[in-house]
Amino acid sequence: KIEELTAATTIEYLGLDSLDIIKFLFEIENEFNVRIADREFKVITIQDMVDALDRLILEQHSEQEIGSSSHH
């Protein structure tokens, strides 16, 4: 139940198997326009996932801005 989810809820608790997680990561990549290296994406809780995504989005979007601004 979505009302029971908290930042500390574990991915394991959600009952996701490895294939579910891979599909979920693809959806995240498409939604947020980021690339996730599986080996770098070790998360235990929902909060871990949010923190990792925040970090990836910041890193990858700032790299894109730096890359695009150097072409001017």
N, C-alpha and C. Protein backbone atom coordinates (compact mmCIF):
# COMPACT_ATOMS: atom_id res chain seq x y z
N LYS A 1 0.84 -1.19 0.00
CA LYS A 1 0.00 0.00 0.00
C LYS A 1 0.88 1.25 0.00
N ILE A 2 0.54 2.18 -0.84
CA ILE A 2 1.37 3.36 -1.00
C ILE A 2 1.40 4.20 0.28
N GLU A 3 0.34 4.18 1.07
CA GLU A 3 0.30 4.97 2.31
C GLU A 3 1.34 4.47 3.32
N GLU A 4 1.74 3.21 3.18
CA GLU A 4 2.68 2.63 4.14
C GLU A 4 4.13 2.90 3.77
N LEU A 5 4.38 3.43 2.57
CA LEU A 5 5.75 3.66 2.14
C LEU A 5 6.35 4.86 2.87
N THR A 6 7.61 4.71 3.25
CA THR A 6 8.35 5.81 3.85
C THR A 6 9.72 5.84 3.18
N ALA A 7 10.50 6.86 3.51
CA ALA A 7 11.85 6.96 2.96
C ALA A 7 12.70 5.76 3.37
N ALA A 8 12.35 5.15 4.50
CA ALA A 8 13.14 4.02 5.02
C ALA A 8 12.67 2.67 4.50
N THR A 9 11.59 2.65 3.71
CA THR A 9 11.11 1.39 3.15
C THR A 9 12.20 0.81 2.26
N THR A 10 12.46 -0.49 2.42
CA THR A 10 13.51 -1.11 1.61
C THR A 10 12.95 -1.58 0.28
N ILE A 11 13.84 -1.64 -0.70
CA ILE A 11 13.46 -2.15 -2.02
C ILE A 11 13.02 -3.61 -1.88
N GLU A 12 13.71 -4.34 -1.03
CA GLU A 12 13.37 -5.75 -0.79
C GLU A 12 11.93 -5.87 -0.27
N TYR A 13 11.54 -4.96 0.62
CA TYR A 13 10.18 -4.97 1.17
C TYR A 13 9.14 -4.79 0.07
N LEU A 14 9.49 -4.04 -0.95
CA LEU A 14 8.56 -3.80 -2.05
C LEU A 14 8.33 -5.06 -2.88
N GLY A 15 9.20 -6.05 -2.70
CA GLY A 15 9.03 -7.32 -3.40
C GLY A 15 9.50 -7.29 -4.84
N LEU A 16 10.38 -6.35 -5.18
CA LEU A 16 10.88 -6.27 -6.54
C LEU A 16 11.98 -7.30 -6.76
N ASP A 17 11.87 -8.05 -7.85
CA ASP A 17 12.96 -8.96 -8.17
C ASP A 17 13.94 -8.22 -9.09
N SER A 18 15.01 -8.87 -9.48
CA SER A 18 16.05 -8.19 -10.24
C SER A 18 15.53 -7.67 -11.59
N LEU A 19 14.64 -8.42 -12.22
CA LEU A 19 14.08 -7.97 -13.50
C LEU A 19 13.20 -6.73 -13.30
N ASP A 20 12.39 -6.73 -12.22
CA ASP A 20 11.57 -5.56 -11.91
C ASP A 20 12.45 -4.33 -11.70
N ILE A 21 13.55 -4.51 -11.00
CA ILE A 21 14.45 -3.39 -10.71
C ILE A 21 15.06 -2.85 -12.00
N ILE A 22 15.48 -3.75 -12.90
CA ILE A 22 16.05 -3.32 -14.18
C ILE A 22 15.02 -2.52 -14.98
N LYS A 23 13.79 -3.01 -15.04
CA LYS A 23 12.73 -2.29 -15.77
C LYS A 23 12.49 -0.92 -15.12
N PHE A 24 12.49 -0.90 -13.80
CA PHE A 24 12.27 0.34 -13.05
C PHE A 24 13.40 1.34 -13.35
N LEU A 25 14.64 0.86 -13.40
CA LEU A 25 15.78 1.73 -13.69
C LEU A 25 15.67 2.31 -15.10
N PHE A 26 15.23 1.51 -16.06
CA PHE A 26 15.04 2.02 -17.41
C PHE A 26 14.00 3.13 -17.42
N GLU A 27 12.93 2.94 -16.67
CA GLU A 27 11.89 3.97 -16.61
C GLU A 27 12.43 5.25 -15.99
N ILE A 28 13.24 5.11 -14.94
CA ILE A 28 13.84 6.28 -14.30
C ILE A 28 14.76 7.00 -15.29
N GLU A 29 15.58 6.24 -16.02
CA GLU A 29 16.48 6.84 -17.00
C GLU A 29 15.69 7.66 -18.02
N ASN A 30 14.61 7.10 -18.51
CA ASN A 30 13.80 7.80 -19.51
C ASN A 30 13.11 9.03 -18.92
N GLU A 31 12.57 8.88 -17.73
CA GLU A 31 11.83 9.97 -17.09
C GLU A 31 12.73 11.16 -16.77
N PHE A 32 13.92 10.88 -16.23
CA PHE A 32 14.80 11.96 -15.76
C PHE A 32 15.95 12.26 -16.71
N ASN A 33 15.98 11.57 -17.87
CA ASN A 33 17.03 11.78 -18.86
C ASN A 33 18.42 11.64 -18.24
N VAL A 34 18.62 10.53 -17.53
CA VAL A 34 19.93 10.23 -16.93
C VAL A 34 20.34 8.82 -17.34
N ARG A 35 21.62 8.53 -17.20
CA ARG A 35 22.14 7.18 -17.42
C ARG A 35 22.55 6.62 -16.07
N ILE A 36 22.09 5.42 -15.78
CA ILE A 36 22.40 4.78 -14.51
C ILE A 36 23.29 3.58 -14.78
N ALA A 37 24.50 3.61 -14.22
CA ALA A 37 25.37 2.44 -14.30
C ALA A 37 24.95 1.51 -13.17
N ASP A 38 24.56 0.29 -13.51
CA ASP A 38 24.04 -0.65 -12.51
C ASP A 38 24.98 -0.80 -11.32
N ARG A 39 26.26 -0.86 -11.59
CA ARG A 39 27.22 -1.08 -10.50
C ARG A 39 27.26 0.11 -9.54
N GLU A 40 26.87 1.28 -10.03
CA GLU A 40 26.89 2.48 -9.19
C GLU A 40 25.57 2.68 -8.45
N PHE A 41 24.58 1.91 -8.81
CA PHE A 41 23.25 2.14 -8.27
C PHE A 41 22.90 1.06 -7.26
N LYS A 42 23.59 1.07 -6.14
CA LYS A 42 23.33 0.12 -5.07
C LYS A 42 22.50 0.84 -4.01
N VAL A 43 21.23 0.51 -3.97
CA VAL A 43 20.34 1.18 -3.02
C VAL A 43 19.65 0.13 -2.16
N ILE A 44 19.38 0.52 -0.93
CA ILE A 44 18.69 -0.37 0.00
C ILE A 44 17.28 0.15 0.26
N THR A 45 17.17 1.46 0.46
CA THR A 45 15.88 2.05 0.82
C THR A 45 15.41 3.02 -0.27
N ILE A 46 14.16 3.43 -0.17
CA ILE A 46 13.63 4.44 -1.09
C ILE A 46 14.44 5.72 -0.98
N GLN A 47 14.84 6.10 0.22
CA GLN A 47 15.64 7.32 0.40
C GLN A 47 16.99 7.19 -0.31
N ASP A 48 17.60 6.01 -0.23
CA ASP A 48 18.86 5.78 -0.96
C ASP A 48 18.67 6.03 -2.45
N MET A 49 17.53 5.56 -2.96
CA MET A 49 17.24 5.72 -4.38
C MET A 49 17.08 7.20 -4.73
N VAL A 50 16.35 7.92 -3.91
CA VAL A 50 16.14 9.36 -4.14
C VAL A 50 17.48 10.09 -4.11
N ASP A 51 18.31 9.79 -3.11
CA ASP A 51 19.62 10.44 -2.99
C ASP A 51 20.50 10.14 -4.20
N ALA A 52 20.51 8.87 -4.62
CA ALA A 52 21.32 8.47 -5.78
C ALA A 52 20.84 9.18 -7.04
N LEU A 53 19.52 9.27 -7.20
CA LEU A 53 18.97 9.96 -8.38
C LEU A 53 19.30 11.44 -8.37
N ASP A 54 19.16 12.07 -7.21
CA ASP A 54 19.51 13.49 -7.10
C ASP A 54 20.95 13.71 -7.54
N ARG A 55 21.84 12.85 -7.05
CA ARG A 55 23.26 12.96 -7.36
C ARG A 55 23.49 12.76 -8.87
N LEU A 56 22.87 11.73 -9.44
CA LEU A 56 23.03 11.46 -10.88
C LEU A 56 22.51 12.61 -11.73
N ILE A 57 21.34 13.12 -11.37
CA ILE A 57 20.74 14.20 -12.14
C ILE A 57 21.64 15.43 -12.10
N LEU A 58 22.11 15.78 -10.92
CA LEU A 58 23.01 16.93 -10.79
C LEU A 58 24.28 16.74 -11.59
N GLU A 59 24.92 15.59 -11.43
CA GLU A 59 26.18 15.31 -12.13
C GLU A 59 25.99 15.34 -13.63
N GLN A 60 25.00 14.62 -14.13
CA GLN A 60 24.86 14.46 -15.56
C GLN A 60 24.32 15.71 -16.24
N HIS A 61 23.45 16.43 -15.57
CA HIS A 61 22.93 17.64 -16.17
C HIS A 61 23.96 18.76 -16.14
N SER A 62 24.80 18.81 -15.11
CA SER A 62 25.85 19.83 -15.10
C SER A 62 26.92 19.51 -16.13
N GLU A 63 27.18 18.22 -16.36
CA GLU A 63 28.13 17.83 -17.42
C GLU A 63 27.59 18.25 -18.78
N GLN A 64 26.29 18.09 -19.00
CA GLN A 64 25.69 18.49 -20.28
C GLN A 64 25.79 19.99 -20.48
N GLU A 65 25.55 20.76 -19.42
CA GLU A 65 25.64 22.21 -19.53
C GLU A 65 27.06 22.64 -19.83
N ILE A 66 28.02 22.03 -19.16
CA ILE A 66 29.43 22.35 -19.38
C ILE A 66 29.80 21.99 -20.82
N GLY A 67 29.36 20.82 -21.25
CA GLY A 67 29.65 20.38 -22.61
C GLY A 67 29.03 21.27 -23.65
N SER A 68 27.80 21.69 -23.44
CA SER A 68 27.13 22.52 -24.45
C SER A 68 27.64 23.95 -24.42
N SER A 69 28.05 24.46 -23.25
CA SER A 69 28.53 25.84 -23.18
C SER A 69 29.93 25.97 -23.77
N SER A 70 30.70 24.89 -23.82
CA SER A 70 32.05 24.98 -24.37
C SER A 70 32.04 25.00 -25.90
N HIS A 71 30.88 24.73 -26.50
CA HIS A 71 30.78 24.73 -27.96
C HIS A 71 30.40 26.10 -28.51
N HIS A 72 30.18 27.07 -27.64
CA HIS A 72 29.75 28.40 -28.09
C HIS A 72 30.94 29.23 -28.50
